[in-house]
């Protein structure tokens, strides 16, 4: 898993060893983010567009509908031409 700073730090275990399973019995990425915040190592960047969760069947359907409605799955013309002429 790639961490926010691009290192593969979680798999080394220095953060993951501090995590406790949530009520769902899973390790949560929010807890990883909070560990970075406590270390004053969290950075962020705002991206254009939208984001939605897709962790349930209902939210996956919602995400699929958003992609279809917004054209998020469409390539731009220049990319299509390069792909076609390759």
Protein backbone atom coordinates (compact mmCIF):
# COMPACT_ATOMS: atom_id res chain seq x y z
CA UNK A 1 0.00 0.00 0.00
CA UNK A 2 1.33 3.40 -0.95
CA UNK A 3 1.27 5.95 1.84
CA UNK A 4 0.44 9.66 1.40
CA UNK A 5 4.14 10.53 1.18
CA UNK A 6 4.82 7.85 -1.44
CA UNK A 7 6.74 5.51 0.88
CA UNK A 8 5.72 1.93 1.50
CA UNK A 9 5.91 2.61 5.21
CA UNK A 10 2.72 0.85 6.32
CA UNK A 11 3.96 -2.52 5.13
CA UNK A 12 7.20 -2.08 7.08
CA UNK A 13 5.02 -2.03 10.16
CA UNK A 14 6.04 1.13 12.02
CA UNK A 15 2.50 2.50 11.74
CA UNK A 16 0.50 -0.66 11.26
CA UNK A 17 1.74 -2.14 14.55
CA UNK A 18 0.08 0.75 16.37
CA UNK A 19 -3.35 0.14 14.82
CA UNK A 20 -6.21 -1.69 16.47
CA UNK A 21 -9.09 -3.24 14.50
CA UNK A 22 -12.19 -1.10 14.31
CA UNK A 23 -15.68 -2.16 15.32
CA UNK A 24 -15.88 -3.77 11.86
CA UNK A 25 -12.82 -5.84 12.71
CA UNK A 26 -10.70 -4.07 10.08
CA UNK A 27 -7.69 -1.77 10.12
CA UNK A 28 -8.88 1.63 8.95
CA UNK A 29 -7.06 4.01 6.61
CA UNK A 30 -8.40 6.87 8.77
CA UNK A 31 -6.26 5.57 11.62
CA UNK A 32 -3.22 5.58 9.32
CA UNK A 33 -4.01 9.17 8.32
CA UNK A 34 -4.36 10.14 11.99
CA UNK A 35 -0.95 8.60 12.72
CA UNK A 36 0.58 10.81 10.02
CA UNK A 37 -1.21 13.84 11.48
CA UNK A 38 0.16 13.06 14.97
CA UNK A 39 3.67 12.87 13.47
CA UNK A 40 3.06 16.17 11.65
CA UNK A 41 3.82 14.34 8.38
CA UNK A 42 0.41 14.53 6.70
CA UNK A 43 0.21 16.48 3.48
CA UNK A 44 -2.77 16.91 1.21
CA UNK A 45 -3.73 18.30 -2.13
CA UNK A 46 -7.14 19.25 -3.49
CA UNK A 47 -8.04 17.67 -6.79
CA UNK A 48 -10.66 18.76 -9.28
CA UNK A 49 -13.71 16.60 -9.74
CA UNK A 50 -15.54 14.43 -7.26
CA UNK A 51 -14.93 11.49 -4.98
CA UNK A 52 -17.38 8.98 -3.56
CA UNK A 53 -17.09 5.86 -1.49
CA UNK A 54 -17.69 2.53 -3.21
CA UNK A 55 -17.43 0.16 -0.26
CA UNK A 56 -20.97 -1.21 -0.42
CA UNK A 57 -23.10 -2.47 -3.28
CA UNK A 58 -25.29 0.64 -2.99
CA UNK A 59 -22.35 3.06 -2.97
CA UNK A 60 -20.71 1.19 -5.87
CA UNK A 61 -23.92 1.63 -7.87
CA UNK A 62 -23.93 5.33 -6.94
CA UNK A 63 -20.28 5.67 -8.04
CA UNK A 64 -21.01 3.87 -11.32
CA UNK A 65 -23.93 6.21 -11.98
CA UNK A 66 -21.74 9.26 -11.27
CA UNK A 67 -19.14 8.02 -13.75
CA UNK A 68 -21.83 7.49 -16.39
CA UNK A 69 -23.49 10.88 -15.73
CA UNK A 70 -20.30 12.97 -15.61
CA UNK A 71 -18.40 11.25 -18.39
CA UNK A 72 -15.55 10.54 -15.99
CA UNK A 73 -14.82 7.37 -17.92
CA UNK A 74 -14.37 9.16 -21.27
CA UNK A 75 -10.93 9.77 -22.69
CA UNK A 76 -10.18 13.14 -24.24
CA UNK A 77 -9.91 13.36 -28.02
CA UNK A 78 -6.11 13.63 -28.09
CA UNK A 79 -5.74 10.48 -26.01
CA UNK A 80 -8.24 8.65 -28.22
CA UNK A 81 -6.30 9.62 -31.35
CA UNK A 82 -3.01 8.41 -29.89
CA UNK A 83 -4.63 5.12 -28.86
CA UNK A 84 -6.24 4.69 -32.29
CA UNK A 85 -3.05 5.46 -34.22
CA UNK A 86 -0.76 3.36 -32.02
